[in-house]
Amino acid sequence: MSLIRVSQPVKYPTQQDVLDPSFISNYGRPAGLWTPTFGGANIAYDFSGNGNNGTLNGGVTLAAGSGQFPAAWKFDGGTGVIPIGNIHANPIFIWAVINPTAIAAGVYHTIVAKRDGSTNATEYAFDIEVSGKLRFYVNNGGFAIWVATTVLTVGKTIFVGVKYNGTTNPTFFLNNTTDAISSPATPIAMLQNSVNAEIGWFVNASATDVPFQGNIYAVGIHPINPTSAQVSSLYSTLMTGVPFAFMQPRTLWLPTGAGAAPTAPSWVYTGMFG
């Protein structure tokens, strides 16, 4: 296998980063972590090392990013979805860096969901609800739905997140702060189902559940109940470039050839530079 040398500032986690002890110490080893790469136009690689790679389906394409994010998944708001495997975590922390280009009234734009469309059993779902606010819900035979307070801004790149443990109300995160719950519910347990989690939509969606529209730059699912300080640190490393070991510029050796998966032996960290 031939190798090429790539030297560039890396502004979001690579596989090297998420397997690094400092990352695991701060955020726990992810159940899954996905960022767009130009190594394979139809593959969403799972950089956690857990093998939950996804395939781009329908109206989602790999596109050029902006700012600190060199690539994006561009969702058309019609049929785009990325299945990412049967991922269960309890407690669960879901985060994403997104830029919604449209938030249609009266529908729900999915960010990440694990829902069985034939039974409506929903292990977890994180989306933008009908009024443009973040929403998290669980359905284990009975619904529990929570809605945040802030109406999201269209055309702006933001960090969003939610954490939930099945026994207390979830906590929403918007950029570097918590976003209060405006619509509370009684917490219920998350019951593991056998369907794939999906980025951007979910199969057998109802008429009011539509795909995300806009760019998604990164998604993570962690089996932790993070503190606000941990989430703030993650936000800073992703969004503001605050110095942190795994976010510094580096040189990587990458395998040549489109579609080559970023396995550990192929991604060789050769040190800082610049």
Foldseek 3Di string as FASTA:
>chain_A
DDWDKDFDFQQDFALVVLPDPVNCVLFNQFLFKWFDDQQAFFKTATSSQNGQIWGWDDQWTWDQDDDNFGIWIAHAFADTKIFRFQGDAAFKKKKFWFAFQDQAAQAKAWFKWFADLVVRQTLKTWIQDRQQWIKIWGCPPDIFIWTFDDRDDHGDTWMWMWTDRQQDWIWIDTQLDTTHTPDGGGGHHRDRDHGTMMGQFDPNDDPRYIGGGGIIGMMTMHNDDHDSVSVNVNSCSNPPVDDDVSRATFMWMADDHHPDHPDPVRTDTDDGDD
